[in-house]
N, C-alpha and C. Protein backbone atom coordinates (compact mmCIF):
# COMPACT_ATOMS: atom_id res chain seq x y z
N UNK A 1 116.80 88.73 109.98
CA UNK A 1 116.72 90.18 109.81
C UNK A 1 116.25 89.98 108.37
N UNK A 2 114.86 90.87 107.82
CA UNK A 2 114.07 90.78 106.85
C UNK A 2 113.55 92.10 106.51
N UNK A 3 113.74 92.61 105.33
CA UNK A 3 113.04 93.86 104.97
C UNK A 3 111.15 93.48 104.80
N UNK A 4 110.61 94.51 105.62
CA UNK A 4 109.18 94.45 105.36
C UNK A 4 108.31 95.59 105.00
N UNK A 5 107.14 95.68 104.67
CA UNK A 5 106.82 96.94 104.11
C UNK A 5 105.92 97.35 105.23
N UNK A 6 106.28 98.45 106.09
CA UNK A 6 105.76 99.17 107.17
C UNK A 6 105.05 100.45 106.80
N UNK A 7 103.65 100.39 107.42
CA UNK A 7 102.66 101.60 107.18
C UNK A 7 102.42 102.19 108.52
N UNK A 8 102.58 103.69 108.35
CA UNK A 8 102.46 104.37 109.77
C UNK A 8 101.78 105.69 109.33
N UNK A 9 100.97 106.35 110.21
CA UNK A 9 100.41 107.66 110.04
C UNK A 9 100.24 108.15 110.99
N UNK A 10 99.73 109.68 110.89
CA UNK A 10 99.51 110.54 112.22
C UNK A 10 98.46 111.19 111.76
N UNK A 11 97.78 111.89 112.81
CA UNK A 11 96.64 112.79 112.29
C UNK A 11 97.22 113.98 112.05
N UNK A 12 96.75 114.61 110.90
CA UNK A 12 97.60 116.09 110.56
C UNK A 12 96.87 117.37 111.66
N UNK A 13 97.49 118.08 112.00
CA UNK A 13 97.16 119.38 113.06
C UNK A 13 95.98 118.52 113.97
N UNK A 14 96.51 117.62 114.81
CA UNK A 14 95.42 116.67 115.95
C UNK A 14 95.39 117.59 116.90
N UNK A 15 96.04 118.75 117.62
CA UNK A 15 96.27 119.21 118.89
C UNK A 15 95.28 120.08 118.52
N UNK A 16 94.69 120.58 117.36
CA UNK A 16 93.74 121.58 117.17
C UNK A 16 92.14 120.67 117.58
N UNK A 17 92.19 119.99 117.42
CA UNK A 17 90.57 119.16 117.45
C UNK A 17 90.43 118.70 119.15
N UNK A 18 88.98 118.84 119.25
CA UNK A 18 88.72 118.10 120.25
C UNK A 18 89.40 116.70 120.65
N UNK A 19 90.17 116.34 121.69
CA UNK A 19 90.86 115.17 121.74
C UNK A 19 89.85 114.18 121.99
N UNK A 20 89.52 114.21 122.94
CA UNK A 20 88.61 112.97 123.27
C UNK A 20 87.44 112.26 122.03
N UNK A 21 87.20 113.56 121.33
CA UNK A 21 86.19 112.96 120.41
C UNK A 21 87.12 112.46 118.99
N UNK A 22 88.65 113.19 119.12
CA UNK A 22 89.09 112.70 118.11
C UNK A 22 89.57 111.19 117.84
N UNK A 23 90.00 111.19 119.42
CA UNK A 23 90.51 109.59 119.48
C UNK A 23 89.63 108.70 119.45
N UNK A 24 88.24 108.89 120.03
CA UNK A 24 87.50 108.25 119.91
C UNK A 24 86.88 107.49 118.13
N UNK A 25 86.95 108.59 117.27
CA UNK A 25 86.75 108.39 115.91
C UNK A 25 88.21 107.57 115.22
N UNK A 26 89.36 107.98 115.78
CA UNK A 26 90.48 107.48 115.14
C UNK A 26 90.63 105.90 115.55
N UNK A 27 90.33 105.63 116.71
CA UNK A 27 90.09 104.52 117.28
C UNK A 27 89.11 103.47 116.66
N UNK A 28 87.86 104.06 116.44
CA UNK A 28 86.79 103.30 115.57
C UNK A 28 87.33 103.17 114.27
N UNK A 29 87.99 104.25 113.35
CA UNK A 29 88.37 103.80 111.71
C UNK A 29 89.37 102.94 111.92
N UNK A 30 90.52 102.80 113.04
CA UNK A 30 91.70 101.77 112.70
C UNK A 30 90.96 100.59 113.28
N UNK A 31 90.18 100.38 114.12
CA UNK A 31 89.44 98.84 114.78
C UNK A 31 88.77 98.30 113.13
N UNK A 32 87.93 99.06 112.78
CA UNK A 32 87.25 98.70 111.93
C UNK A 32 88.24 98.42 110.45
N UNK A 33 89.05 98.77 110.08
CA UNK A 33 90.22 98.46 109.18
C UNK A 33 90.92 97.25 109.37
N UNK A 34 91.23 97.30 110.34
CA UNK A 34 91.89 96.21 111.02
C UNK A 34 91.09 94.51 110.79
N UNK A 35 89.50 94.89 111.35
CA UNK A 35 88.64 93.85 110.97
C UNK A 35 88.31 93.56 109.22
N UNK A 36 87.93 94.82 108.64
CA UNK A 36 87.50 94.25 107.13
C UNK A 36 89.11 93.94 105.95
N UNK A 37 90.23 94.56 106.90
CA UNK A 37 91.47 94.27 105.84
C UNK A 37 92.40 93.27 106.51
N UNK A 38 91.98 92.33 107.34
CA UNK A 38 92.94 91.67 108.15
C UNK A 38 93.63 90.81 107.34
N UNK A 39 93.45 90.38 106.14
CA UNK A 39 94.19 89.98 104.87
C UNK A 39 95.22 90.11 104.47
N UNK A 40 95.10 91.75 104.98
CA UNK A 40 96.23 92.52 104.11
C UNK A 40 97.22 92.74 105.17
N UNK A 41 97.50 92.36 106.34
CA UNK A 41 98.36 92.71 107.17
C UNK A 41 98.95 91.58 108.16
N UNK A 42 100.38 91.74 108.06
CA UNK A 42 100.85 90.73 108.87
C UNK A 42 100.92 91.41 110.27
N UNK A 43 100.96 92.55 110.62
CA UNK A 43 100.71 92.73 112.07
C UNK A 43 99.90 94.25 112.01
N UNK A 44 98.71 93.72 112.91
CA UNK A 44 97.77 94.98 112.33
C UNK A 44 97.77 96.49 112.71
N UNK A 45 97.47 97.61 112.26
CA UNK A 45 97.47 98.66 112.59
C UNK A 45 97.19 99.01 114.15
N UNK A 46 98.33 99.24 114.66
CA UNK A 46 97.96 99.74 116.03
C UNK A 46 98.24 100.97 116.53
N UNK A 47 97.64 101.94 117.38
CA UNK A 47 97.81 103.11 117.78
C UNK A 47 98.98 103.31 118.91
N UNK A 48 99.66 103.97 118.52
CA UNK A 48 100.97 104.14 119.06
C UNK A 48 101.24 105.06 120.24
N UNK A 49 101.16 106.09 119.83
CA UNK A 49 101.32 107.64 120.39
C UNK A 49 99.74 108.55 120.78
N UNK A 50 98.97 107.83 120.52
CA UNK A 50 97.45 108.77 120.66
C UNK A 50 97.31 109.09 119.31
N UNK A 51 97.86 109.82 118.39
CA UNK A 51 97.56 110.27 117.35
C UNK A 51 98.13 109.60 115.97
N UNK A 52 99.06 108.79 116.42
CA UNK A 52 99.73 107.60 115.09
C UNK A 52 99.36 106.38 115.35
N UNK A 53 99.86 105.59 114.33
CA UNK A 53 99.57 104.23 114.21
C UNK A 53 100.61 103.69 113.42
N UNK A 54 100.92 102.44 113.57
CA UNK A 54 101.68 101.50 112.72
C UNK A 54 101.15 100.31 112.87
N UNK A 55 101.66 99.54 111.62
CA UNK A 55 101.34 98.28 111.18
C UNK A 55 102.67 97.94 110.01
N UNK A 56 102.32 96.32 109.88
CA UNK A 56 103.37 95.65 108.74
C UNK A 56 101.95 95.21 107.83
N UNK A 57 102.52 95.69 106.80
CA UNK A 57 101.33 94.98 105.39
C UNK A 57 102.16 93.83 104.84
N UNK A 58 101.25 93.07 104.28
CA UNK A 58 101.76 91.68 103.39
C UNK A 58 103.00 92.16 102.08
N UNK A 59 102.66 93.21 101.62
CA UNK A 59 103.27 93.58 100.40
C UNK A 59 103.14 95.37 100.31
N UNK A 60 103.76 95.90 99.14
CA UNK A 60 103.25 97.34 98.79
C UNK A 60 101.71 97.24 98.33
N UNK A 61 101.15 96.44 97.66
CA UNK A 61 100.12 96.46 96.77
C UNK A 61 99.20 96.71 98.04
N UNK A 62 99.10 95.89 99.17
CA UNK A 62 98.36 95.66 100.39
C UNK A 62 98.53 96.58 101.54
N UNK A 63 99.72 97.64 101.11
CA UNK A 63 99.63 98.92 102.16
C UNK A 63 99.27 99.73 101.24
N UNK A 64 99.10 99.95 99.81
CA UNK A 64 98.14 100.81 99.31
C UNK A 64 97.08 100.87 99.07
N UNK A 65 96.22 99.32 99.30
CA UNK A 65 94.61 99.14 99.67
C UNK A 65 94.56 99.51 101.05
N UNK A 66 95.18 99.30 101.87
CA UNK A 66 94.94 99.68 103.56
C UNK A 66 94.78 101.37 103.52
N UNK A 67 95.82 102.08 102.64
CA UNK A 67 95.97 103.54 102.31
C UNK A 67 94.31 104.06 102.17
N UNK A 68 93.68 103.46 100.72
CA UNK A 68 92.60 103.90 100.69
C UNK A 68 91.32 103.42 101.19
N UNK A 69 91.56 102.12 101.71
CA UNK A 69 90.66 102.07 102.73
C UNK A 69 90.08 102.89 104.07
N UNK A 70 91.85 103.24 104.70
CA UNK A 70 91.57 104.39 105.79
C UNK A 70 90.72 105.44 105.36
N UNK A 71 91.24 105.90 103.91
CA UNK A 71 90.57 107.34 103.62
C UNK A 71 89.42 107.44 103.32
N UNK A 72 88.62 106.10 102.64
CA UNK A 72 87.13 106.31 102.57
C UNK A 72 86.75 106.14 103.88
N UNK A 73 87.52 105.13 104.83
CA UNK A 73 86.44 104.84 106.04
C UNK A 73 86.20 105.91 106.70
N UNK A 74 87.10 107.15 106.51
CA UNK A 74 87.18 108.34 107.46
C UNK A 74 86.17 109.09 106.88
N UNK A 75 85.54 108.94 105.49
CA UNK A 75 84.79 109.80 105.14
C UNK A 75 83.60 109.16 105.37
N UNK A 76 83.38 107.93 105.45
CA UNK A 76 82.20 107.20 105.50
C UNK A 76 81.64 107.31 106.89
N UNK A 77 82.75 107.48 107.75
CA UNK A 77 82.24 107.38 109.37
C UNK A 77 81.96 109.18 109.72
N UNK A 78 82.23 109.85 108.55
CA UNK A 78 81.81 111.03 108.98
C UNK A 78 82.82 111.66 110.05
N UNK A 79 84.08 111.28 110.03
CA UNK A 79 85.01 111.97 110.67
C UNK A 79 85.97 112.78 109.96
N UNK A 80 86.07 113.89 110.67
CA UNK A 80 86.73 115.03 110.29
C UNK A 80 88.54 115.06 110.37
N UNK A 81 89.37 114.16 109.97
CA UNK A 81 90.77 114.42 110.34
C UNK A 81 91.37 113.92 108.98
N UNK A 82 92.51 114.19 108.74
CA UNK A 82 93.32 113.56 107.74
C UNK A 82 94.40 113.25 108.23
N UNK A 83 95.23 112.12 107.66
CA UNK A 83 96.25 111.42 107.75
C UNK A 83 97.62 111.62 106.80
N UNK A 84 98.34 111.67 107.59
CA UNK A 84 99.87 111.97 107.15
C UNK A 84 100.65 110.70 106.94
N UNK A 85 100.93 109.84 105.72
CA UNK A 85 101.35 108.33 105.72
C UNK A 85 102.76 108.45 105.43
N UNK A 86 103.29 107.39 106.06
CA UNK A 86 104.37 106.97 105.46
C UNK A 86 104.59 105.29 105.09
N UNK A 87 104.66 104.86 104.01
CA UNK A 87 104.96 103.58 103.72
C UNK A 87 106.52 103.22 103.20
N UNK A 88 107.12 102.59 103.97
CA UNK A 88 108.71 102.29 103.66
C UNK A 88 108.65 100.88 103.90
N UNK A 89 109.94 100.74 102.83
CA UNK A 89 109.95 99.16 103.10
C UNK A 89 111.40 99.22 103.64
N UNK A 90 111.78 98.33 104.68
CA UNK A 90 112.67 98.59 105.83
C UNK A 90 113.02 97.09 106.65
N UNK A 91 114.17 97.06 107.39
CA UNK A 91 114.59 96.11 108.22
C UNK A 91 113.94 96.10 109.44
N UNK A 92 113.22 94.70 109.79
CA UNK A 92 112.90 94.54 111.49
C UNK A 92 113.87 93.42 111.94
N UNK A 93 114.41 93.54 112.92
CA UNK A 93 115.39 93.16 113.57
C UNK A 93 114.57 91.73 114.17
N UNK A 94 113.42 92.01 114.98
CA UNK A 94 112.81 90.90 115.96
C UNK A 94 111.83 90.45 115.21
N UNK A 95 111.06 89.34 116.26
CA UNK A 95 109.83 88.81 115.41
C UNK A 95 108.89 89.34 115.23
N UNK A 96 108.11 89.25 114.06
CA UNK A 96 106.80 90.18 113.63
C UNK A 96 105.68 89.83 114.92
N UNK A 97 105.11 90.21 115.50
CA UNK A 97 104.06 90.67 116.14
C UNK A 97 102.73 90.31 115.27
N UNK A 98 101.95 89.49 115.27
CA UNK A 98 101.07 89.26 114.67
C UNK A 98 99.70 89.62 115.45
N UNK A 99 99.75 90.08 116.64
CA UNK A 99 98.86 90.08 117.25
C UNK A 99 98.46 91.90 117.94
N UNK A 100 99.38 92.65 117.82
CA UNK A 100 99.89 93.98 117.87
C UNK A 100 101.02 94.52 117.62
N UNK A 101 100.90 95.59 117.02
CA UNK A 101 102.29 96.17 116.29
C UNK A 101 102.89 96.84 117.58
N UNK A 102 103.03 96.02 118.68
CA UNK A 102 104.30 96.68 119.69
C UNK A 102 105.50 95.78 119.99
N UNK A 103 106.41 96.33 120.33
CA UNK A 103 107.61 95.44 120.82
C UNK A 103 108.39 94.90 119.53
N UNK A 104 107.99 95.38 118.46
CA UNK A 104 108.85 95.16 117.39
C UNK A 104 110.11 96.17 117.36
N UNK A 105 111.38 95.99 116.92
CA UNK A 105 112.61 96.90 116.61
C UNK A 105 113.45 96.50 115.49
N UNK A 106 114.17 97.95 114.75
CA UNK A 106 114.21 97.69 113.71
C UNK A 106 114.68 99.18 112.81
N UNK A 107 115.55 98.90 112.17
CA UNK A 107 115.90 100.21 111.41
C UNK A 107 114.67 100.48 110.43
N UNK A 108 113.86 99.69 110.01
CA UNK A 108 112.93 100.67 108.94
C UNK A 108 112.04 101.05 110.01
N UNK A 109 111.52 100.66 111.14
CA UNK A 109 110.78 101.27 111.90
C UNK A 109 111.20 102.37 112.43
N UNK A 110 112.46 102.59 113.20
CA UNK A 110 113.25 103.81 113.18
C UNK A 110 112.89 104.77 112.48
N UNK A 111 113.34 104.30 111.01
CA UNK A 111 113.51 105.55 109.95
C UNK A 111 111.83 106.13 109.73
N UNK A 112 110.82 104.95 109.53
CA UNK A 112 109.57 105.43 109.17
C UNK A 112 109.18 106.38 110.21
N UNK A 113 109.47 106.18 111.79
CA UNK A 113 108.91 107.60 112.54
C UNK A 113 109.68 108.64 112.47
N UNK A 114 110.98 108.60 111.83
CA UNK A 114 111.97 109.86 111.69
C UNK A 114 110.91 110.60 110.69
N UNK A 115 110.88 109.82 109.57
CA UNK A 115 110.45 110.40 108.45
C UNK A 115 108.97 110.97 108.48
N UNK A 116 108.18 110.36 109.42
CA UNK A 116 106.84 110.55 110.17
C UNK A 116 106.84 112.31 110.58
N UNK A 117 107.86 112.49 111.20
CA UNK A 117 108.27 113.55 112.50
C UNK A 117 108.61 114.68 111.57
N UNK A 118 109.64 114.25 110.78
CA UNK A 118 109.99 115.44 109.54
C UNK A 118 108.89 116.05 108.85
N UNK A 119 108.14 115.36 108.47
CA UNK A 119 106.80 115.72 107.47
C UNK A 119 106.01 116.09 107.88
N UNK A 120 105.63 116.69 109.12
CA UNK A 120 104.57 117.13 109.77
C UNK A 120 104.65 118.73 109.25
N UNK A 121 105.68 119.15 108.58
CA UNK A 121 105.18 120.59 108.21
C UNK A 121 105.29 120.63 106.61
N UNK A 122 105.03 119.24 106.08
CA UNK A 122 105.20 119.18 104.60
C UNK A 122 103.52 118.88 104.14
N UNK A 123 103.00 119.70 103.11
CA UNK A 123 101.87 119.48 102.36
C UNK A 123 101.11 118.09 101.87
N UNK A 124 102.66 117.38 101.36
CA UNK A 124 102.23 116.32 100.75
C UNK A 124 101.78 115.03 102.21
N UNK A 125 100.82 114.60 101.64
CA UNK A 125 100.35 113.81 102.79
C UNK A 125 100.37 112.24 102.48
N UNK A 126 101.70 112.09 101.60
CA UNK A 126 102.21 110.80 101.17
C UNK A 126 103.46 110.11 100.96
N UNK A 127 104.25 109.82 101.75
CA UNK A 127 105.64 109.70 101.53
C UNK A 127 105.78 107.92 101.27
N UNK A 128 106.40 107.60 100.28
CA UNK A 128 106.74 106.04 99.93
C UNK A 128 108.63 105.94 100.00
N UNK A 129 108.70 105.18 100.41
CA UNK A 129 110.07 104.87 100.27
C UNK A 129 110.73 103.44 100.19
N UNK A 130 110.56 102.96 98.85
CA UNK A 130 110.83 101.76 98.87
C UNK A 130 112.28 101.13 97.96
N UNK A 131 112.47 100.03 98.32
CA UNK A 131 113.71 99.50 97.23
C UNK A 131 113.63 99.62 96.07
N UNK A 132 112.64 99.40 95.34
CA UNK A 132 112.39 100.20 93.86
C UNK A 132 112.24 101.19 93.67
N UNK A 133 112.96 102.00 93.22
CA UNK A 133 113.10 103.96 93.48
C UNK A 133 111.81 104.13 92.30
N UNK A 134 112.23 103.55 91.07
CA UNK A 134 111.16 104.06 90.09
C UNK A 134 109.45 103.74 90.46
N UNK A 135 109.29 102.15 91.24
CA UNK A 135 108.30 102.43 91.61
C UNK A 135 107.61 103.04 92.83
N UNK A 136 108.48 103.64 93.82
CA UNK A 136 108.67 104.80 94.90
C UNK A 136 108.20 106.02 93.90
N UNK A 137 108.89 106.65 93.04
CA UNK A 137 108.60 107.90 92.23
C UNK A 137 107.09 107.93 91.34
N UNK A 138 106.76 106.59 90.77
CA UNK A 138 105.44 106.53 90.10
C UNK A 138 104.25 106.64 90.70
N UNK A 139 104.58 106.16 92.45
CA UNK A 139 103.53 106.18 93.31
C UNK A 139 103.39 107.10 93.80
N UNK A 140 104.60 108.28 94.33
CA UNK A 140 104.44 109.74 94.46
C UNK A 140 103.79 110.46 93.41
N UNK A 141 103.99 110.33 92.42
CA UNK A 141 103.39 111.08 91.27
C UNK A 141 102.04 111.07 91.21
N UNK A 142 101.47 109.66 91.06
CA UNK A 142 100.12 109.46 90.98
C UNK A 142 99.48 109.68 92.19
N UNK A 143 99.91 109.87 93.55
CA UNK A 143 99.33 110.22 94.44
C UNK A 143 98.91 111.59 94.65
N UNK A 144 99.81 112.38 94.16
CA UNK A 144 99.95 114.05 93.92
C UNK A 144 98.39 114.51 93.39
N UNK A 145 98.20 113.31 91.98
CA UNK A 145 96.72 113.49 91.66
C UNK A 145 95.68 113.23 92.65
N UNK A 146 95.93 111.73 92.94
CA UNK A 146 94.45 111.58 93.96
C UNK A 146 94.41 112.44 95.39
N UNK A 147 95.53 113.41 95.55
CA UNK A 147 95.33 113.98 96.69
C UNK A 147 94.94 115.38 96.47
N UNK A 148 95.19 116.02 95.15
CA UNK A 148 94.47 116.94 94.46
C UNK A 148 92.89 116.54 94.38
N UNK A 149 92.44 115.57 93.76
CA UNK A 149 90.99 115.29 93.78
C UNK A 149 90.48 115.43 95.01
N UNK A 150 91.11 114.77 96.34
CA UNK A 150 90.34 114.44 97.29
C UNK A 150 90.13 115.81 98.27
N UNK A 151 91.35 116.44 97.70
CA UNK A 151 91.43 117.74 98.84
C UNK A 151 90.35 118.80 98.23
N UNK A 152 89.84 118.36 96.66
CA UNK A 152 88.94 119.11 96.18
C UNK A 152 87.35 119.12 96.42
N UNK A 153 87.16 118.13 97.33
CA UNK A 153 85.69 117.81 97.94
C UNK A 153 85.53 118.73 99.06
N UNK A 154 84.29 119.15 98.51
CA UNK A 154 83.87 120.23 99.98
C UNK A 154 82.86 119.02 100.85
N UNK A 155 83.62 118.48 101.99
CA UNK A 155 83.05 117.45 102.77
C UNK A 155 81.73 118.32 103.57
N UNK A 156 81.66 119.31 103.72
CA UNK A 156 80.97 119.87 104.65
C UNK A 156 79.48 120.38 103.92
N UNK A 157 79.74 120.32 102.51
CA UNK A 157 78.35 120.68 101.76
C UNK A 157 78.24 119.11 100.67
N UNK A 158 78.94 118.18 100.68
CA UNK A 158 78.73 117.33 99.48
C UNK A 158 79.12 115.98 100.57
N UNK A 159 79.19 115.71 101.62
CA UNK A 159 79.72 114.83 102.35
C UNK A 159 78.72 113.29 102.09
N UNK A 160 77.53 113.58 101.98
CA UNK A 160 76.36 112.51 101.89
C UNK A 160 76.80 112.19 100.52
N UNK A 161 76.87 112.76 99.92
CA UNK A 161 76.70 112.85 98.16
C UNK A 161 78.07 111.55 97.78
N UNK A 162 78.94 112.01 98.49
CA UNK A 162 80.50 111.75 97.89
C UNK A 162 80.21 110.23 98.65
N UNK A 163 79.57 109.82 99.97
CA UNK A 163 79.53 108.79 100.31
C UNK A 163 78.75 107.91 99.76
N UNK A 164 77.90 108.39 98.65
CA UNK A 164 77.05 107.37 98.18
C UNK A 164 77.72 106.84 97.00
N UNK A 165 78.74 108.12 96.30
CA UNK A 165 79.64 107.45 95.24
C UNK A 165 80.41 106.76 95.51
N UNK A 166 80.81 106.41 96.76
CA UNK A 166 81.66 105.35 97.28
C UNK A 166 81.46 104.20 97.20
N UNK A 167 80.04 104.08 97.91
CA UNK A 167 79.54 103.10 98.08
C UNK A 167 79.03 102.30 96.71
N UNK A 168 78.36 103.30 96.02
CA UNK A 168 77.30 102.53 95.29
C UNK A 168 78.20 102.76 93.40
N UNK A 169 78.74 103.99 92.98
CA UNK A 169 79.25 104.36 92.15
C UNK A 169 78.54 104.45 90.84
N UNK A 170 77.80 103.84 90.69
CA UNK A 170 76.63 104.16 89.80
C UNK A 170 75.56 105.36 89.83
N UNK A 171 75.80 106.19 89.41
CA UNK A 171 75.11 107.36 89.15
C UNK A 171 73.57 107.57 89.48
N UNK A 172 73.28 106.69 88.81
CA UNK A 172 71.78 106.25 88.57
C UNK A 172 71.08 105.73 89.62
N UNK A 173 72.00 104.64 90.25
CA UNK A 173 71.41 104.51 91.65
C UNK A 173 71.49 105.37 92.68
N UNK A 174 72.83 106.15 92.54
CA UNK A 174 72.79 107.15 93.85
C UNK A 174 71.26 108.19 93.62
N UNK A 175 71.27 108.66 92.43
CA UNK A 175 70.27 109.45 91.96
C UNK A 175 68.62 108.86 92.63
N UNK A 176 68.45 107.27 92.93
CA UNK A 176 67.23 106.89 93.12
C UNK A 176 67.62 106.65 94.20
N UNK A 177 68.46 106.42 95.17
CA UNK A 177 68.65 106.75 96.61
C UNK A 177 68.59 108.12 97.39
N UNK A 178 68.91 109.13 96.72
CA UNK A 178 68.73 110.45 97.28
C UNK A 178 67.63 111.33 97.14
N UNK A 179 66.91 110.59 95.96
CA UNK A 179 65.83 111.22 95.33
C UNK A 179 65.99 112.43 94.77
N UNK A 180 66.95 112.47 93.78
CA UNK A 180 67.43 113.30 93.08
C UNK A 180 67.37 112.83 91.28
N UNK A 181 67.01 113.82 90.50
CA UNK A 181 67.20 113.46 88.86
C UNK A 181 68.44 113.01 88.43
N UNK A 182 68.47 111.79 87.51
CA UNK A 182 70.05 111.25 87.34
C UNK A 182 70.78 112.39 86.67
N UNK A 183 70.05 113.42 86.27
CA UNK A 183 70.90 114.25 85.35
C UNK A 183 71.68 115.31 86.49
N UNK A 184 70.98 115.39 87.59
CA UNK A 184 71.85 116.43 88.64
C UNK A 184 72.94 115.57 89.44
N UNK A 185 72.83 114.09 89.59
CA UNK A 185 73.58 113.22 90.19
C UNK A 185 74.46 113.11 88.99
N UNK A 186 74.67 113.20 87.70
CA UNK A 186 75.82 113.06 86.82
C UNK A 186 76.47 114.25 86.88
N UNK A 187 75.99 115.60 86.88
CA UNK A 187 76.32 116.40 86.98
C UNK A 187 77.64 116.73 87.80
N UNK A 188 77.08 116.32 89.53
CA UNK A 188 77.85 116.26 90.66
C UNK A 188 78.59 115.30 90.79
N UNK A 189 78.57 113.94 89.54
CA UNK A 189 79.71 113.10 89.45
C UNK A 189 80.93 113.82 89.02
N UNK A 190 79.93 114.14 87.73
CA UNK A 190 81.55 115.43 86.80
C UNK A 190 82.39 116.29 87.74
N UNK A 191 81.31 116.89 88.34
CA UNK A 191 82.15 118.15 89.39
C UNK A 191 83.22 117.77 90.12
N UNK A 192 82.66 116.46 90.90
CA UNK A 192 83.25 115.83 91.88
C UNK A 192 84.84 114.78 91.43
N UNK A 193 84.82 114.93 90.11
CA UNK A 193 85.87 114.15 89.55
C UNK A 193 85.85 112.68 90.21
N UNK A 194 84.65 112.15 90.27
CA UNK A 194 84.41 110.65 90.71
C UNK A 194 85.13 109.50 89.81
N UNK A 195 84.88 110.00 88.60
CA UNK A 195 85.48 109.07 87.45
C UNK A 195 87.07 108.98 87.47
N UNK A 196 87.58 110.23 87.75
CA UNK A 196 89.01 110.85 87.72
C UNK A 196 89.67 110.04 88.98
N UNK A 197 88.89 109.99 90.16
CA UNK A 197 88.99 109.16 91.56
C UNK A 197 89.33 107.82 91.42
N UNK A 198 88.08 107.15 90.61
CA UNK A 198 88.27 105.70 90.41
C UNK A 198 89.54 105.63 89.63
N UNK A 199 89.78 106.06 88.34
CA UNK A 199 90.80 105.81 87.57
C UNK A 199 92.17 106.05 88.17
N UNK A 200 92.49 107.11 89.02
CA UNK A 200 93.58 106.96 89.58
C UNK A 200 93.72 106.21 90.78
N UNK A 201 92.77 105.78 91.51
CA UNK A 201 93.15 104.25 92.26
C UNK A 201 93.46 103.17 91.60
N UNK A 202 93.10 103.10 90.11
CA UNK A 202 93.18 102.04 89.65
C UNK A 202 94.45 102.25 89.15
N UNK A 203 94.97 102.98 88.74
CA UNK A 203 96.43 103.20 88.26
C UNK A 203 97.23 102.92 89.67
N UNK A 204 97.03 103.56 90.65
CA UNK A 204 98.21 103.26 92.11
C UNK A 204 97.86 101.96 92.71
N UNK A 205 96.92 101.16 92.43
CA UNK A 205 96.86 99.79 92.57
C UNK A 205 97.72 98.96 91.70
N UNK A 206 97.64 99.63 90.37
CA UNK A 206 98.46 98.68 89.56
C UNK A 206 100.08 99.04 89.67
N UNK A 207 100.64 100.21 89.79
CA UNK A 207 101.94 100.29 90.07
C UNK A 207 102.30 99.67 91.54
N UNK A 208 101.57 99.37 92.22
CA UNK A 208 101.88 98.94 93.48
C UNK A 208 101.83 97.39 93.39
N UNK A 209 101.95 96.74 92.47
CA UNK A 209 101.55 95.26 92.27
C UNK A 209 103.06 95.01 92.40
């Protein structure tokens, strides 16, 4: 018996969406993250109940990197759904399945699923429960800032611009690629709080080490 870092998430308001299209987009994101970030995972992200997934990360830092990769992959794939996350440090009693996150049992997995279910009506999309309580509180506080920036983005209007900033960061390169003036793109970078977004990601990754 050993404690592991469990990452679970479900799609917010999944019942309101076109189910076939949503599940196709969800599966595509999960599959791509499993390929791109396989070194961060002890057990791959596995869709369990249609609109949920679970996986086992190497450590807290890996779980946070997975969270950011998922968030950015959703935007880059132009898929319009949000995820509600639980990252929990808990016991798994059975051997870790390195091929698929099924067939494992333990108090940690049970607790994570119960929390995910309880938080369905919660406005905060990120929940951490780690042995280090100070680290837990610091991560939750920083993620409130992260969430406020991301929720301030108007993807219907600025999706292409945000995708380019996530890919290139350098506003001069973004301006050149989009055929806009550097002044225009610099102002949009400020209004979208891209600098703040990148800064809070660095802080969160540092706390998660």
